[in-house]
Amino acid sequence: MKTRRIITAIGASIDSFVSKVENHEAVADCAIADVRGAAATLKVQQGKTLSQLQRIQQQVNEQQQFQQRWQKRALKFADQDRSKALQCIKQGKEVQQRIERLQYQQEQYQNMVGQLTRNLEEVEARLEQLQIKKTTLSSRSARNSAFNCMNNHSAVEETEQLFERWEAKVLKDEYQEGVVDIDANNQFEQQIVAEEEAEALELELDALMSEQSSGKQE
């Protein structure tokens, strides 16, 4: 069947496409879309075939009813008018031939429905496999990219340098905007230094006075 060849071709060509194109995810999406389209086509064809099968079944039922009517008519005229009874039998045989032709068509359509159903199941199973595989590979690819980025020392160094340059720029902007008060920091520092120097002088004076007192006592 043409549909069967399409299914086989799709399945055989996906790996080839993916191996030749760098954008694997985009190619996988296209392949999945093709398989999904094939599934939709099969679904539509299956529906049409089922509808035709139902119409044939209805025709078979109608013809069987006609056949029963001709049989009843033949029995009705059998004692009264044998000629009419034979005509009824003849009509019934013609109806039987139509029933047999319809039943043959019915069998053919049943086979087609069965084949389409099996094909659709295969395509849907293939579609599910592709979707799972695509999701799995996308996750693995994202994970590998993250690990490669973390393990790439040059990339890490470049990132650190980027943050250093960014921080330097932020500090520069803060100084320019007066966020950091340089003069206030310098004044505070000078005050602390002056207090420390005064304290040192006090200690030195106390030591000198203590030394002098000790000398007088001697």
Protein backbone atom coordinates (compact mmCIF):
# COMPACT_ATOMS: atom_id res chain seq x y z
CA MET A 1 0.00 0.00 0.00
CA LYS A 2 1.10 3.57 -0.69
CA THR A 3 0.52 4.53 2.93
CA ARG A 4 2.70 1.65 4.07
CA ARG A 5 5.55 2.86 1.85
CA ILE A 6 5.19 6.37 3.26
CA ILE A 7 5.40 5.04 6.82
CA THR A 8 8.50 2.99 6.01
CA ALA A 9 10.16 5.91 4.23
CA ILE A 10 9.51 8.25 7.13
CA GLY A 11 10.91 5.81 9.64
CA ALA A 12 14.04 5.15 7.58
CA SER A 13 14.84 8.77 6.76
CA ILE A 14 14.55 10.42 10.19
CA ASP A 15 17.94 9.29 11.48
CA SER A 16 19.56 10.28 8.19
CA PHE A 17 18.09 13.77 8.37
CA VAL A 18 19.12 14.27 11.98
CA SER A 19 22.70 13.17 11.32
CA LYS A 20 23.15 15.65 8.45
CA VAL A 21 21.69 18.80 9.98
CA GLU A 22 23.06 20.60 13.01
CA ASN A 23 19.72 21.87 14.25
CA HIS A 24 18.65 18.43 15.42
CA GLU A 25 15.65 19.60 17.42
CA ALA A 26 14.18 21.50 14.47
CA VAL A 27 14.64 18.49 12.19
CA ALA A 28 13.06 16.24 14.80
CA ASP A 29 10.08 18.60 15.01
CA CYS A 30 9.66 18.45 11.21
CA ALA A 31 9.90 14.65 11.22
CA ILE A 32 7.36 14.38 14.02
CA ALA A 33 5.07 16.76 12.14
CA ASP A 34 5.33 14.50 9.05
CA VAL A 35 4.45 11.41 11.06
CA ARG A 36 1.59 13.26 12.73
CA GLY A 37 0.33 14.26 9.25
CA ALA A 38 0.51 10.65 8.10
CA ALA A 39 -1.47 9.60 11.17
CA ALA A 40 -4.11 12.23 10.41
CA THR A 41 -4.38 11.04 6.80
CA LEU A 42 -4.82 7.44 7.92
CA LYS A 43 -7.41 8.50 10.47
CA VAL A 44 -9.46 10.30 7.82
CA GLN A 45 -9.20 7.38 5.40
CA GLN A 46 -10.20 4.97 8.14
CA GLY A 47 -13.29 7.06 8.87
CA LYS A 48 -14.30 7.16 5.21
CA THR A 49 -13.84 3.41 4.84
CA LEU A 50 -15.88 2.71 7.96
CA SER A 51 -18.68 4.95 6.65
CA GLN A 52 -18.70 3.09 3.33
CA LEU A 53 -18.71 -0.23 5.16
CA GLN A 54 -21.72 0.86 7.18
CA ARG A 55 -23.58 1.89 4.00
CA ILE A 56 -22.87 -1.49 2.43
CA GLN A 57 -24.09 -3.26 5.55
CA GLN A 58 -27.28 -1.22 5.38
CA GLN A 59 -27.75 -2.17 1.73
CA VAL A 60 -27.21 -5.84 2.59
CA ASN A 61 -29.89 -5.61 5.27
CA GLU A 62 -32.31 -3.95 2.86
CA GLN A 63 -31.69 -6.54 0.14
CA GLN A 64 -32.19 -9.36 2.63
CA GLN A 65 -35.55 -7.86 3.54
CA PHE A 66 -36.46 -7.67 -0.18
CA GLN A 67 -35.48 -11.30 -0.58
CA GLN A 68 -37.75 -12.32 2.30
CA ARG A 69 -40.62 -10.41 0.72
CA TRP A 70 -40.17 -12.21 -2.62
CA GLN A 71 -40.12 -15.53 -0.81
CA LYS A 72 -43.37 -14.68 0.99
CA ARG A 73 -44.94 -13.61 -2.34
CA ALA A 74 -43.82 -16.85 -3.97
CA LEU A 75 -45.51 -18.84 -1.20
CA LYS A 76 -48.61 -16.66 -1.50
CA PHE A 77 -49.00 -17.30 -5.24
CA ALA A 78 -47.84 -20.92 -5.22
CA ASP A 79 -51.39 -22.37 -4.99
CA GLN A 80 -53.20 -19.57 -6.85
CA ASP A 81 -50.87 -18.67 -9.74
CA ARG A 82 -47.79 -20.81 -10.20
CA SER A 83 -46.46 -18.51 -12.94
CA LYS A 84 -46.42 -15.53 -10.58
CA ALA A 85 -44.86 -17.68 -7.90
CA LEU A 86 -42.03 -18.60 -10.27
CA GLN A 87 -41.51 -14.93 -11.16
CA CYS A 88 -41.26 -14.15 -7.45
CA ILE A 89 -38.65 -16.87 -7.06
CA LYS A 90 -36.71 -15.39 -10.00
CA GLN A 91 -36.81 -11.92 -8.44
CA GLY A 92 -35.62 -13.40 -5.18
CA LYS A 93 -32.64 -15.04 -6.92
CA GLU A 94 -31.67 -11.70 -8.50
CA VAL A 95 -31.83 -10.10 -5.06
CA GLN A 96 -29.63 -12.93 -3.75
CA GLN A 97 -27.04 -12.15 -6.43
CA ARG A 98 -27.04 -8.49 -5.38
CA ILE A 99 -26.61 -9.58 -1.76
CA GLU A 100 -23.62 -11.73 -2.69
CA ARG A 101 -21.99 -8.84 -4.59
CA LEU A 102 -22.58 -6.52 -1.65
CA GLN A 103 -21.20 -9.10 0.78
CA TYR A 104 -18.07 -9.41 -1.33
CA GLN A 105 -17.65 -5.61 -1.22
CA GLN A 106 -18.33 -5.73 2.50
CA GLU A 107 -15.53 -8.24 2.98
CA GLN A 108 -13.13 -6.08 0.96
CA TYR A 109 -13.95 -2.98 2.99
CA GLN A 110 -13.59 -4.93 6.23
CA ASN A 111 -10.10 -5.96 5.13
CA MET A 112 -9.26 -2.35 4.28
CA VAL A 113 -10.51 -1.15 7.66
CA GLY A 114 -8.39 -3.78 9.38
CA GLN A 115 -5.30 -2.80 7.38
CA LEU A 116 -5.85 0.91 7.99
CA THR A 117 -6.34 0.27 11.69
CA ARG A 118 -3.08 -1.66 11.92
CA ASN A 119 -1.23 1.02 9.95
CA LEU A 120 -2.66 3.73 12.16
CA GLU A 121 -1.59 1.87 15.29
CA GLU A 122 1.94 1.53 13.89
CA VAL A 123 2.14 5.23 13.01
CA GLU A 124 0.77 6.32 16.39
CA ALA A 125 3.25 4.03 18.16
CA ARG A 126 6.07 5.47 16.04
CA LEU A 127 4.87 8.99 16.80
CA GLU A 128 4.88 8.29 20.53
CA GLN A 129 8.39 6.83 20.32
CA LEU A 130 9.67 9.86 18.42
CA GLN A 131 8.13 12.30 20.86
CA ILE A 132 9.64 10.47 23.83
CA LYS A 133 13.02 10.23 22.11
CA LYS A 134 12.95 13.91 21.16
CA THR A 135 12.12 14.97 24.72
CA THR A 136 14.82 12.69 26.14
CA LEU A 137 17.50 13.90 23.73
CA SER A 138 16.54 17.54 24.26
CA SER A 139 16.91 17.09 28.01
CA ARG A 140 20.23 15.32 27.63
CA SER A 141 21.48 17.96 25.21
CA ALA A 142 20.51 20.77 27.58
CA ARG A 143 22.21 18.98 30.47
CA ASN A 144 25.39 18.41 28.43
CA SER A 145 25.46 22.03 27.35
CA ALA A 146 25.19 23.14 30.97
CA PHE A 147 27.98 20.80 32.08
CA ASN A 148 30.19 21.82 29.17
CA CYS A 149 29.70 25.44 30.07
CA MET A 150 30.60 24.76 33.72
CA ASN A 151 33.66 22.71 32.78
CA ASN A 152 34.91 25.20 30.20
CA HIS A 153 37.61 27.06 32.16
CA SER A 154 38.04 29.77 29.56
CA ALA A 155 34.29 30.40 29.61
CA VAL A 156 34.33 30.53 33.42
CA GLU A 157 37.24 32.99 33.39
CA GLU A 158 35.50 35.13 30.81
CA THR A 159 32.36 35.11 32.96
CA GLU A 160 34.32 36.15 36.05
CA GLN A 161 36.04 38.91 34.10
CA LEU A 162 32.65 40.04 32.89
CA PHE A 163 31.38 40.34 36.44
CA GLU A 164 34.55 42.16 37.49
CA ARG A 165 34.14 44.68 34.67
CA TRP A 166 30.49 45.04 35.57
CA GLU A 167 31.29 45.64 39.24
CA ALA A 168 33.96 48.18 38.31
CA LYS A 169 31.46 50.04 36.16
CA VAL A 170 28.86 49.98 38.94
CA LEU A 171 31.40 51.39 41.41
CA LYS A 172 32.43 54.06 38.93
CA ASP A 173 28.81 55.08 38.46
CA GLU A 174 28.30 55.14 42.23
CA TYR A 175 31.27 57.42 42.71
CA GLN A 176 30.08 59.71 39.93
CA GLU A 177 26.59 59.86 41.36
CA GLY A 178 27.82 60.52 44.92
CA VAL A 179 26.51 57.25 46.23
CA VAL A 180 29.91 56.63 47.79
CA ASP A 181 31.03 59.70 49.87
CA ILE A 182 34.80 59.72 49.45
CA ASP A 183 35.35 62.91 51.48
CA ALA A 184 33.27 61.62 54.37
CA ASN A 185 35.29 58.42 54.42
CA ASN A 186 38.57 60.38 54.39
CA GLN A 187 37.42 62.71 57.20
CA PHE A 188 36.37 59.79 59.33
CA GLU A 189 39.67 58.09 58.76
CA GLN A 190 41.60 61.26 59.61
CA GLN A 191 39.62 61.62 62.82
CA ILE A 192 40.43 58.08 63.89
CA VAL A 193 44.11 58.57 63.08
CA ALA A 194 44.21 61.81 65.08
CA GLU A 195 42.61 60.14 68.07
CA GLU A 196 45.08 57.27 67.87
CA GLU A 197 48.02 59.71 67.70
CA ALA A 198 46.70 61.69 70.68
CA GLU A 199 46.29 58.50 72.65
CA ALA A 200 49.85 57.50 71.81
CA LEU A 201 51.15 60.87 72.98
CA GLU A 202 49.22 60.54 76.22
CA LEU A 203 50.75 57.14 76.82
CA GLU A 204 54.21 58.46 76.03
CA LEU A 205 53.73 61.40 78.45
CA ASP A 206 52.47 59.10 81.19
CA ALA A 207 55.48 56.87 80.69
CA LEU A 208 57.85 59.84 80.86
CA MET A 209 56.23 61.15 84.04
CA SER A 210 56.36 57.72 85.61
CA GLU A 211 60.00 57.41 84.76
CA GLN A 212 60.74 60.82 86.29
CA SER A 213 58.91 59.95 89.49
CA SER A 214 60.88 56.80 89.84
CA GLY A 215 64.16 58.73 89.50
CA LYS A 216 63.29 61.20 92.24
CA GLN A 217 62.45 58.48 94.67
CA GLU A 218 65.85 56.95 94.17
